[in-house]
Amino acid sequence: MNKSIKQIDYPKLEELTPEEAREFLSSFLEITKKRWDEMIPALQNDKLKTDYKIESLEPVFLWVFERLKTVPREEDPEVPDWVRNTDSYKEGLFDFDKQSENMILGLSYYFGESFVRSFNNLYWTSGNTEQFQCNMPVIAGFKNDLELPPHNNIQAIFRRAIKDRKIDIHVSKMIKIWASDALK
């Protein structure tokens, strides 16, 4: 398969065989851990803890958020006019630049790995093929068979916070919810 995280098309994840899904998970973990390892010196230089404890997550999220940069995205002509004319659509016309995406990938590893190391019942796996997170790298073992796709959650939180600037509230709430669902 040999596709990097940025080269694979998430909607195509549903077409992966179980072996390809395992390969993608392995590649995801390798790439995101590398991105995380590259971030550690700067985080530690700024006196942030990188000890994989749940309590360390919020300050790291805030540190990354402060450094994010976006680039404009063109409107999609395939999207109906009534959608393109909404404020919500227009406000979402941006992507993260390459450096920001690399930080988000690194944070994805740290976020997921912090949960795995903090709760014995959690583990990395490929997402349930019957759910939205089909074959995505997820943390599983939560109550009610919930699965946490770290990369998707982080992108969603950051995109929302860029619009409303309430990053601390979004991150704090997300961490508390997932931590409470981790306890069986």
N, C-alpha and C. Protein backbone atom coordinates (compact mmCIF):
# COMPACT_ATOMS: atom_id res chain seq x y z
N MET A 1 0.82 -1.18 0.00
CA MET A 1 0.00 0.00 0.00
C MET A 1 0.87 1.25 0.00
N ASN A 2 1.80 1.39 0.92
CA ASN A 2 2.80 2.46 0.94
C ASN A 2 2.25 3.84 0.61
N LYS A 3 1.16 4.23 1.24
CA LYS A 3 0.62 5.57 1.05
C LYS A 3 0.77 6.33 2.35
N SER A 4 1.18 7.59 2.25
CA SER A 4 1.29 8.38 3.46
C SER A 4 -0.09 8.84 3.88
N ILE A 5 -0.18 9.41 5.07
CA ILE A 5 -1.45 9.87 5.60
C ILE A 5 -2.10 10.87 4.66
N LYS A 6 -1.33 11.79 4.10
CA LYS A 6 -1.88 12.82 3.24
C LYS A 6 -2.26 12.28 1.85
N GLN A 7 -1.75 11.14 1.46
CA GLN A 7 -2.04 10.62 0.13
C GLN A 7 -3.28 9.74 0.09
N ILE A 8 -3.68 9.19 1.21
CA ILE A 8 -4.84 8.30 1.19
C ILE A 8 -6.12 9.12 1.29
N ASP A 9 -7.10 8.72 0.56
CA ASP A 9 -8.38 9.40 0.52
C ASP A 9 -9.28 8.73 1.56
N TYR A 10 -9.61 9.44 2.63
CA TYR A 10 -10.39 8.84 3.71
C TYR A 10 -11.67 8.15 3.23
N PRO A 11 -12.42 8.69 2.28
CA PRO A 11 -13.60 7.94 1.84
C PRO A 11 -13.26 6.57 1.25
N LYS A 12 -12.06 6.41 0.75
CA LYS A 12 -11.65 5.12 0.18
C LYS A 12 -11.27 4.11 1.27
N LEU A 13 -11.20 4.53 2.51
CA LEU A 13 -10.85 3.61 3.59
C LEU A 13 -11.83 2.44 3.66
N GLU A 14 -13.06 2.68 3.27
CA GLU A 14 -14.05 1.62 3.32
C GLU A 14 -13.73 0.49 2.34
N GLU A 15 -12.87 0.77 1.37
CA GLU A 15 -12.51 -0.25 0.37
C GLU A 15 -11.30 -1.08 0.77
N LEU A 16 -10.65 -0.73 1.89
CA LEU A 16 -9.46 -1.46 2.30
C LEU A 16 -9.80 -2.87 2.77
N THR A 17 -8.93 -3.80 2.44
CA THR A 17 -9.04 -5.15 2.99
C THR A 17 -8.57 -5.08 4.44
N PRO A 18 -8.85 -6.09 5.25
CA PRO A 18 -8.34 -6.09 6.63
C PRO A 18 -6.82 -5.95 6.68
N GLU A 19 -6.11 -6.60 5.78
CA GLU A 19 -4.64 -6.49 5.75
C GLU A 19 -4.20 -5.06 5.41
N GLU A 20 -4.85 -4.44 4.42
CA GLU A 20 -4.52 -3.06 4.06
C GLU A 20 -4.84 -2.10 5.20
N ALA A 21 -5.92 -2.36 5.92
CA ALA A 21 -6.28 -1.51 7.07
C ALA A 21 -5.21 -1.62 8.15
N ARG A 22 -4.69 -2.82 8.39
CA ARG A 22 -3.60 -2.99 9.37
C ARG A 22 -2.34 -2.26 8.91
N GLU A 23 -2.05 -2.34 7.61
CA GLU A 23 -0.89 -1.62 7.08
C GLU A 23 -1.06 -0.11 7.22
N PHE A 24 -2.27 0.38 6.95
CA PHE A 24 -2.53 1.80 7.08
C PHE A 24 -2.39 2.25 8.53
N LEU A 25 -2.91 1.47 9.46
CA LEU A 25 -2.76 1.78 10.89
C LEU A 25 -1.29 1.84 11.27
N SER A 26 -0.53 0.86 10.83
CA SER A 26 0.91 0.83 11.12
C SER A 26 1.61 2.07 10.55
N SER A 27 1.29 2.42 9.31
CA SER A 27 1.86 3.60 8.67
C SER A 27 1.46 4.87 9.41
N PHE A 28 0.19 4.96 9.78
CA PHE A 28 -0.30 6.12 10.53
C PHE A 28 0.48 6.28 11.83
N LEU A 29 0.62 5.19 12.57
CA LEU A 29 1.33 5.28 13.86
C LEU A 29 2.79 5.65 13.67
N GLU A 30 3.42 5.11 12.64
CA GLU A 30 4.82 5.42 12.36
C GLU A 30 4.99 6.91 12.01
N ILE A 31 4.15 7.40 11.12
CA ILE A 31 4.25 8.79 10.67
C ILE A 31 3.90 9.76 11.79
N THR A 32 2.81 9.49 12.49
CA THR A 32 2.38 10.43 13.53
C THR A 32 3.35 10.43 14.71
N LYS A 33 3.92 9.28 15.04
CA LYS A 33 4.92 9.24 16.12
C LYS A 33 6.15 10.05 15.72
N LYS A 34 6.56 9.93 14.47
CA LYS A 34 7.70 10.70 13.99
C LYS A 34 7.41 12.20 14.10
N ARG A 35 6.21 12.61 13.68
CA ARG A 35 5.83 14.04 13.78
C ARG A 35 5.82 14.48 15.24
N TRP A 36 5.32 13.61 16.13
CA TRP A 36 5.30 13.93 17.56
C TRP A 36 6.72 14.07 18.09
N ASP A 37 7.58 13.12 17.77
CA ASP A 37 8.97 13.17 18.24
C ASP A 37 9.66 14.46 17.79
N GLU A 38 9.32 14.95 16.60
CA GLU A 38 9.90 16.20 16.10
C GLU A 38 9.43 17.41 16.90
N MET A 39 8.24 17.32 17.50
CA MET A 39 7.66 18.43 18.26
C MET A 39 8.17 18.50 19.70
N ILE A 40 8.59 17.38 20.26
CA ILE A 40 8.92 17.31 21.68
C ILE A 40 9.94 18.36 22.12
N PRO A 41 11.05 18.56 21.41
CA PRO A 41 12.02 19.57 21.90
C PRO A 41 11.42 20.97 22.05
N ALA A 42 10.61 21.40 21.10
CA ALA A 42 10.01 22.74 21.19
C ALA A 42 9.01 22.81 22.35
N LEU A 43 8.24 21.77 22.54
CA LEU A 43 7.29 21.73 23.64
C LEU A 43 8.02 21.78 24.98
N GLN A 44 9.05 20.97 25.12
CA GLN A 44 9.80 20.94 26.36
C GLN A 44 10.55 22.25 26.59
N ASN A 45 11.02 22.86 25.52
CA ASN A 45 11.68 24.17 25.62
C ASN A 45 10.72 25.22 26.19
N ASP A 46 9.43 25.06 25.87
CA ASP A 46 8.40 25.96 26.40
C ASP A 46 7.82 25.45 27.72
N LYS A 47 8.49 24.48 28.31
CA LYS A 47 8.16 23.95 29.65
C LYS A 47 6.82 23.20 29.71
N LEU A 48 6.43 22.60 28.61
CA LEU A 48 5.22 21.78 28.61
C LEU A 48 5.59 20.33 28.88
N LYS A 49 4.73 19.65 29.60
CA LYS A 49 4.94 18.24 29.90
C LYS A 49 4.54 17.40 28.68
N THR A 50 5.35 16.40 28.39
CA THR A 50 5.07 15.48 27.29
C THR A 50 5.15 14.04 27.82
N ASP A 51 4.48 13.83 28.95
CA ASP A 51 4.58 12.58 29.69
C ASP A 51 3.45 11.59 29.44
N TYR A 52 2.62 11.86 28.45
CA TYR A 52 1.51 10.99 28.07
C TYR A 52 0.43 10.89 29.15
N LYS A 53 0.36 11.85 30.02
CA LYS A 53 -0.69 11.90 31.04
C LYS A 53 -1.86 12.71 30.47
N ILE A 54 -3.07 12.33 30.83
CA ILE A 54 -4.26 13.03 30.35
C ILE A 54 -4.18 14.52 30.69
N GLU A 55 -3.66 14.83 31.88
CA GLU A 55 -3.56 16.22 32.32
C GLU A 55 -2.64 17.06 31.43
N SER A 56 -1.75 16.43 30.70
CA SER A 56 -0.81 17.16 29.85
C SER A 56 -1.43 17.54 28.49
N LEU A 57 -2.57 16.95 28.16
CA LEU A 57 -3.13 17.14 26.82
C LEU A 57 -3.58 18.57 26.55
N GLU A 58 -4.35 19.16 27.45
CA GLU A 58 -4.90 20.49 27.18
C GLU A 58 -3.82 21.53 26.89
N PRO A 59 -2.76 21.64 27.72
CA PRO A 59 -1.73 22.62 27.40
C PRO A 59 -1.04 22.36 26.05
N VAL A 60 -0.88 21.10 25.69
CA VAL A 60 -0.26 20.77 24.40
C VAL A 60 -1.19 21.17 23.25
N PHE A 61 -2.49 20.88 23.40
CA PHE A 61 -3.46 21.31 22.39
C PHE A 61 -3.40 22.82 22.19
N LEU A 62 -3.37 23.57 23.29
CA LEU A 62 -3.35 25.03 23.20
C LEU A 62 -2.07 25.52 22.54
N TRP A 63 -0.96 24.88 22.86
CA TRP A 63 0.34 25.24 22.26
C TRP A 63 0.28 25.05 20.75
N VAL A 64 -0.24 23.92 20.31
CA VAL A 64 -0.35 23.65 18.86
C VAL A 64 -1.29 24.67 18.22
N PHE A 65 -2.45 24.89 18.84
CA PHE A 65 -3.43 25.79 18.26
C PHE A 65 -2.85 27.19 18.02
N GLU A 66 -2.05 27.66 18.97
CA GLU A 66 -1.44 29.00 18.83
C GLU A 66 -0.51 29.09 17.62
N ARG A 67 -0.04 27.97 17.13
CA ARG A 67 0.93 27.96 16.03
C ARG A 67 0.33 27.58 14.68
N LEU A 68 -0.96 27.28 14.66
CA LEU A 68 -1.59 26.86 13.41
C LEU A 68 -1.69 28.01 12.42
N LYS A 69 -1.48 27.66 11.16
CA LYS A 69 -1.66 28.61 10.06
C LYS A 69 -2.58 27.95 9.04
N THR A 70 -3.39 28.78 8.42
CA THR A 70 -4.32 28.26 7.43
C THR A 70 -4.04 28.88 6.07
N VAL A 71 -4.52 28.20 5.05
CA VAL A 71 -4.46 28.70 3.68
C VAL A 71 -5.87 28.64 3.11
N PRO A 72 -6.25 29.64 2.31
CA PRO A 72 -7.61 29.64 1.75
C PRO A 72 -7.85 28.44 0.82
N ARG A 73 -9.08 28.01 0.81
CA ARG A 73 -9.51 26.94 -0.09
C ARG A 73 -10.55 27.52 -1.05
N GLU A 74 -10.47 27.11 -2.29
CA GLU A 74 -11.43 27.57 -3.30
C GLU A 74 -12.80 26.93 -3.04
N GLU A 75 -13.84 27.65 -3.42
CA GLU A 75 -15.17 27.08 -3.36
C GLU A 75 -15.26 25.88 -4.30
N ASP A 76 -16.03 24.91 -3.91
CA ASP A 76 -16.25 23.72 -4.73
C ASP A 76 -17.46 23.96 -5.62
N PRO A 77 -17.27 24.04 -6.93
CA PRO A 77 -18.40 24.31 -7.83
C PRO A 77 -19.45 23.19 -7.82
N GLU A 78 -19.08 22.01 -7.32
CA GLU A 78 -20.02 20.89 -7.25
C GLU A 78 -21.02 21.06 -6.11
N VAL A 79 -20.69 21.92 -5.15
CA VAL A 79 -21.58 22.16 -4.01
C VAL A 79 -22.72 23.07 -4.47
N PRO A 80 -23.94 22.74 -4.12
CA PRO A 80 -25.08 23.57 -4.55
C PRO A 80 -24.96 25.02 -4.05
N ASP A 81 -25.50 25.94 -4.84
CA ASP A 81 -25.44 27.37 -4.50
C ASP A 81 -26.01 27.65 -3.12
N TRP A 82 -27.10 27.02 -2.78
CA TRP A 82 -27.73 27.31 -1.48
C TRP A 82 -26.80 26.95 -0.33
N VAL A 83 -25.89 26.01 -0.51
CA VAL A 83 -24.91 25.68 0.52
C VAL A 83 -23.74 26.66 0.44
N ARG A 84 -23.24 26.91 -0.77
CA ARG A 84 -22.10 27.81 -0.94
C ARG A 84 -22.39 29.23 -0.45
N ASN A 85 -23.64 29.61 -0.42
CA ASN A 85 -24.01 30.96 0.00
C ASN A 85 -24.18 31.11 1.51
N THR A 86 -23.97 30.04 2.25
CA THR A 86 -24.12 30.13 3.71
C THR A 86 -22.83 30.62 4.35
N ASP A 87 -22.97 31.31 5.47
CA ASP A 87 -21.80 31.77 6.22
C ASP A 87 -20.96 30.59 6.69
N SER A 88 -21.65 29.55 7.11
CA SER A 88 -20.95 28.36 7.62
C SER A 88 -20.02 27.78 6.56
N TYR A 89 -20.50 27.67 5.33
CA TYR A 89 -19.69 27.14 4.24
C TYR A 89 -18.49 28.06 3.97
N LYS A 90 -18.76 29.35 3.88
CA LYS A 90 -17.71 30.32 3.56
C LYS A 90 -16.64 30.37 4.65
N GLU A 91 -17.06 30.26 5.92
CA GLU A 91 -16.10 30.29 7.03
C GLU A 91 -15.21 29.05 7.04
N GLY A 92 -15.67 27.97 6.43
CA GLY A 92 -14.90 26.73 6.41
C GLY A 92 -13.99 26.57 5.21
N LEU A 93 -13.87 27.60 4.40
CA LEU A 93 -13.05 27.52 3.18
C LEU A 93 -11.58 27.77 3.49
N PHE A 94 -10.99 26.86 4.24
CA PHE A 94 -9.57 26.92 4.54
C PHE A 94 -9.04 25.53 4.81
N ASP A 95 -7.75 25.38 4.64
CA ASP A 95 -7.03 24.17 5.01
C ASP A 95 -5.90 24.60 5.92
N PHE A 96 -5.31 23.64 6.61
CA PHE A 96 -4.12 23.93 7.40
C PHE A 96 -2.91 23.83 6.49
N ASP A 97 -1.93 24.71 6.70
CA ASP A 97 -0.72 24.63 5.89
C ASP A 97 0.06 23.37 6.27
N LYS A 98 1.10 23.06 5.51
CA LYS A 98 1.84 21.81 5.69
C LYS A 98 2.42 21.68 7.10
N GLN A 99 3.02 22.73 7.60
CA GLN A 99 3.61 22.67 8.94
C GLN A 99 2.52 22.45 10.00
N SER A 100 1.39 23.10 9.84
CA SER A 100 0.28 22.92 10.77
C SER A 100 -0.25 21.49 10.71
N GLU A 101 -0.39 20.97 9.50
CA GLU A 101 -0.87 19.59 9.35
C GLU A 101 0.10 18.60 9.99
N ASN A 102 1.40 18.86 9.88
CA ASN A 102 2.38 18.00 10.54
C ASN A 102 2.23 18.05 12.05
N MET A 103 1.96 19.24 12.60
CA MET A 103 1.74 19.35 14.05
C MET A 103 0.45 18.62 14.44
N ILE A 104 -0.58 18.71 13.62
CA ILE A 104 -1.83 18.02 13.92
C ILE A 104 -1.60 16.50 13.88
N LEU A 105 -0.82 16.03 12.93
CA LEU A 105 -0.49 14.60 12.88
C LEU A 105 0.26 14.18 14.15
N GLY A 106 1.24 14.97 14.56
CA GLY A 106 1.97 14.66 15.79
C GLY A 106 1.06 14.66 17.00
N LEU A 107 0.20 15.66 17.09
CA LEU A 107 -0.73 15.73 18.20
C LEU A 107 -1.71 14.56 18.18
N SER A 108 -2.06 14.09 16.99
CA SER A 108 -2.95 12.92 16.88
C SER A 108 -2.34 11.72 17.59
N TYR A 109 -1.04 11.53 17.38
CA TYR A 109 -0.36 10.41 18.05
C TYR A 109 -0.38 10.62 19.56
N TYR A 110 0.03 11.80 20.00
CA TYR A 110 0.12 12.07 21.44
C TYR A 110 -1.24 11.95 22.12
N PHE A 111 -2.26 12.48 21.48
CA PHE A 111 -3.63 12.41 22.02
C PHE A 111 -4.05 10.95 22.20
N GLY A 112 -3.95 10.18 21.12
CA GLY A 112 -4.35 8.77 21.19
C GLY A 112 -3.49 7.97 22.14
N GLU A 113 -2.19 8.15 22.04
CA GLU A 113 -1.27 7.37 22.87
C GLU A 113 -1.41 7.71 24.35
N SER A 114 -1.76 8.95 24.66
CA SER A 114 -1.98 9.33 26.07
C SER A 114 -3.16 8.56 26.65
N PHE A 115 -4.21 8.39 25.87
CA PHE A 115 -5.34 7.60 26.34
C PHE A 115 -4.97 6.13 26.48
N VAL A 116 -4.25 5.60 25.51
CA VAL A 116 -3.85 4.18 25.57
C VAL A 116 -2.99 3.92 26.80
N ARG A 117 -2.05 4.82 27.09
CA ARG A 117 -1.16 4.62 28.24
C ARG A 117 -1.86 4.90 29.58
N SER A 118 -2.92 5.68 29.56
CA SER A 118 -3.60 6.05 30.81
C SER A 118 -4.72 5.09 31.19
N PHE A 119 -5.24 4.34 30.25
CA PHE A 119 -6.36 3.43 30.51
C PHE A 119 -6.02 2.06 29.93
N ASN A 120 -5.91 1.06 30.79
CA ASN A 120 -5.50 -0.29 30.38
C ASN A 120 -6.43 -0.93 29.36
N ASN A 121 -7.68 -0.51 29.31
CA ASN A 121 -8.65 -1.13 28.41
C ASN A 121 -8.63 -0.53 27.01
N LEU A 122 -7.84 0.51 26.77
CA LEU A 122 -7.83 1.18 25.46
C LEU A 122 -6.66 0.71 24.61
N TYR A 123 -6.84 0.74 23.30
CA TYR A 123 -5.81 0.28 22.38
C TYR A 123 -6.06 0.87 20.99
N TRP A 124 -4.97 0.95 20.21
CA TRP A 124 -5.05 1.39 18.81
C TRP A 124 -5.59 0.24 17.96
N THR A 125 -6.41 0.58 16.99
CA THR A 125 -6.90 -0.41 16.03
C THR A 125 -7.47 0.33 14.81
N SER A 126 -7.95 -0.42 13.86
CA SER A 126 -8.65 0.16 12.71
C SER A 126 -10.13 0.26 13.06
N GLY A 127 -10.76 1.35 12.63
CA GLY A 127 -12.16 1.61 12.98
C GLY A 127 -13.12 0.56 12.47
N ASN A 128 -14.21 0.41 13.18
CA ASN A 128 -15.28 -0.52 12.85
C ASN A 128 -15.75 -0.26 11.42
N THR A 129 -15.77 -1.29 10.62
CA THR A 129 -16.14 -1.14 9.21
C THR A 129 -17.62 -0.83 9.01
N GLU A 130 -18.42 -0.92 10.07
CA GLU A 130 -19.85 -0.61 9.99
C GLU A 130 -20.14 0.82 10.45
N GLN A 131 -19.10 1.56 10.79
CA GLN A 131 -19.27 2.91 11.33
C GLN A 131 -18.59 3.95 10.45
N PHE A 132 -18.83 5.22 10.76
CA PHE A 132 -18.20 6.34 10.04
C PHE A 132 -16.68 6.20 9.99
N GLN A 133 -16.08 5.78 11.11
CA GLN A 133 -14.63 5.70 11.20
C GLN A 133 -14.06 4.41 10.59
N CYS A 134 -14.78 3.87 9.63
CA CYS A 134 -14.40 2.65 8.92
C CYS A 134 -12.91 2.64 8.56
N ASN A 135 -12.17 1.73 9.16
CA ASN A 135 -10.74 1.51 8.89
C ASN A 135 -9.84 2.70 9.23
N MET A 136 -10.38 3.75 9.84
CA MET A 136 -9.52 4.85 10.29
C MET A 136 -8.73 4.38 11.51
N PRO A 137 -7.56 4.94 11.73
CA PRO A 137 -6.86 4.66 12.99
C PRO A 137 -7.67 5.23 14.16
N VAL A 138 -8.03 4.37 15.09
CA VAL A 138 -8.85 4.78 16.22
C VAL A 138 -8.31 4.19 17.52
N ILE A 139 -8.78 4.77 18.61
CA ILE A 139 -8.57 4.19 19.93
C ILE A 139 -9.88 3.49 20.27
N ALA A 140 -9.80 2.23 20.62
CA ALA A 140 -10.99 1.44 20.95
C ALA A 140 -10.88 0.95 22.38
N GLY A 141 -12.01 0.42 22.87
CA GLY A 141 -12.08 -0.10 24.23
C GLY A 141 -12.91 0.79 25.15
N PHE A 142 -13.51 1.83 24.60
CA PHE A 142 -14.35 2.73 25.38
C PHE A 142 -15.69 2.08 25.70
N LYS A 143 -16.41 2.69 26.64
CA LYS A 143 -17.77 2.25 26.95
C LYS A 143 -18.62 2.27 25.68
N ASN A 144 -19.58 1.39 25.65
CA ASN A 144 -20.55 1.33 24.55
C ASN A 144 -19.89 1.15 23.18
N ASP A 145 -18.70 0.56 23.16
CA ASP A 145 -17.97 0.29 21.92
C ASP A 145 -17.68 1.55 21.10
N LEU A 146 -17.57 2.69 21.77
CA LEU A 146 -17.18 3.92 21.08
C LEU A 146 -15.74 3.82 20.61
N GLU A 147 -15.44 4.51 19.52
CA GLU A 147 -14.08 4.56 18.98
C GLU A 147 -13.69 6.01 18.78
N LEU A 148 -12.49 6.34 19.19
CA LEU A 148 -11.96 7.70 19.08
C LEU A 148 -11.00 7.78 17.90
N PRO A 149 -11.37 8.49 16.82
CA PRO A 149 -10.43 8.73 15.72
C PRO A 149 -9.66 10.04 16.02
N PRO A 150 -8.46 9.96 16.61
CA PRO A 150 -7.76 11.16 17.08
C PRO A 150 -7.56 12.23 16.00
N HIS A 151 -7.13 11.84 14.83
CA HIS A 151 -6.84 12.82 13.79
C HIS A 151 -8.10 13.59 13.40
N ASN A 152 -9.19 12.90 13.21
CA ASN A 152 -10.44 13.56 12.83
C ASN A 152 -10.95 14.47 13.95
N ASN A 153 -10.88 14.00 15.20
CA ASN A 153 -11.34 14.82 16.32
C ASN A 153 -10.54 16.10 16.44
N ILE A 154 -9.23 15.99 16.29
CA ILE A 154 -8.38 17.17 16.43
C ILE A 154 -8.66 18.17 15.31
N GLN A 155 -8.76 17.68 14.09
CA GLN A 155 -9.06 18.60 12.99
C GLN A 155 -10.40 19.29 13.21
N ALA A 156 -11.39 18.56 13.64
CA ALA A 156 -12.72 19.14 13.86
C ALA A 156 -12.68 20.19 14.97
N ILE A 157 -12.00 19.89 16.06
CA ILE A 157 -11.89 20.85 17.17
C ILE A 157 -11.15 22.10 16.72
N PHE A 158 -10.04 21.94 16.02
CA PHE A 158 -9.27 23.11 15.58
C PHE A 158 -10.04 23.93 14.55
N ARG A 159 -10.72 23.28 13.64
CA ARG A 159 -11.50 24.02 12.64
C ARG A 159 -12.61 24.82 13.33
N ARG A 160 -13.25 24.21 14.29
CA ARG A 160 -14.31 24.91 15.03
C ARG A 160 -13.73 26.08 15.82
N ALA A 161 -12.59 25.86 16.47
CA ALA A 161 -11.99 26.90 17.30
C ALA A 161 -11.45 28.06 16.47
N ILE A 162 -11.04 27.80 15.26
CA ILE A 162 -10.58 28.89 14.39
C ILE A 162 -11.75 29.81 14.10
N LYS A 163 -12.94 29.25 14.01
CA LYS A 163 -14.13 30.07 13.74
C LYS A 163 -14.59 30.84 14.98
N ASP A 164 -14.61 30.17 16.15
CA ASP A 164 -15.19 30.82 17.34
C ASP A 164 -14.19 31.20 18.43
N ARG A 165 -12.92 30.81 18.26
CA ARG A 165 -11.83 31.16 19.19
C ARG A 165 -12.03 30.63 20.60
N LYS A 166 -12.80 29.56 20.78
CA LYS A 166 -13.05 29.00 22.10
C LYS A 166 -12.29 27.68 22.27
N ILE A 167 -11.03 27.68 21.89
CA ILE A 167 -10.24 26.44 21.89
C ILE A 167 -10.18 25.79 23.27
N ASP A 168 -9.98 26.58 24.32
CA ASP A 168 -9.84 26.00 25.65
C ASP A 168 -11.11 25.26 26.08
N ILE A 169 -12.27 25.82 25.76
CA ILE A 169 -13.54 25.18 26.12
C ILE A 169 -13.73 23.89 25.32
N HIS A 170 -13.48 23.93 24.02
CA HIS A 170 -13.66 22.74 23.18
C HIS A 170 -12.73 21.61 23.60
N VAL A 171 -11.47 21.93 23.82
CA VAL A 171 -10.49 20.89 24.17
C VAL A 171 -10.79 20.30 25.54
N SER A 172 -11.06 21.15 26.51
CA SER A 172 -11.35 20.67 27.85
C SER A 172 -12.56 19.74 27.85
N LYS A 173 -13.60 20.14 27.17
CA LYS A 173 -14.82 19.33 27.10
C LYS A 173 -14.55 17.99 26.41
N MET A 174 -13.83 18.03 25.28
CA MET A 174 -13.55 16.81 24.54
C MET A 174 -12.75 15.81 25.39
N ILE A 175 -11.71 16.30 26.06
CA ILE A 175 -10.88 15.41 26.88
C ILE A 175 -11.70 14.80 28.02
N LYS A 176 -12.50 15.61 28.68
CA LYS A 176 -13.33 15.11 29.79
C LYS A 176 -14.32 14.04 29.31
N ILE A 177 -14.94 14.28 28.18
CA ILE A 177 -15.91 13.32 27.65
C ILE A 177 -15.24 11.99 27.34
N TRP A 178 -14.12 12.04 26.61
CA TRP A 178 -13.44 10.79 26.25
C TRP A 178 -12.87 10.10 27.47
N ALA A 179 -12.37 10.84 28.45
CA ALA A 179 -11.83 10.23 29.67
C ALA A 179 -12.95 9.55 30.46
N SER A 180 -14.12 10.17 30.52
CA SER A 180 -15.22 9.54 31.25
C SER A 180 -15.71 8.29 30.51
N ASP A 181 -15.66 8.30 29.19
CA ASP A 181 -16.05 7.11 28.42
C ASP A 181 -14.99 6.02 28.45
N ALA A 182 -13.78 6.36 28.86
CA ALA A 182 -12.71 5.36 28.93
C ALA A 182 -12.87 4.48 30.16
N LEU A 183 -13.51 5.00 31.18
CA LEU A 183 -13.68 4.25 32.42
C LEU A 183 -14.82 3.27 32.27
N LYS A 184 -14.50 1.99 32.42
CA LYS A 184 -15.55 0.96 32.29
C LYS A 184 -16.05 0.55 33.65
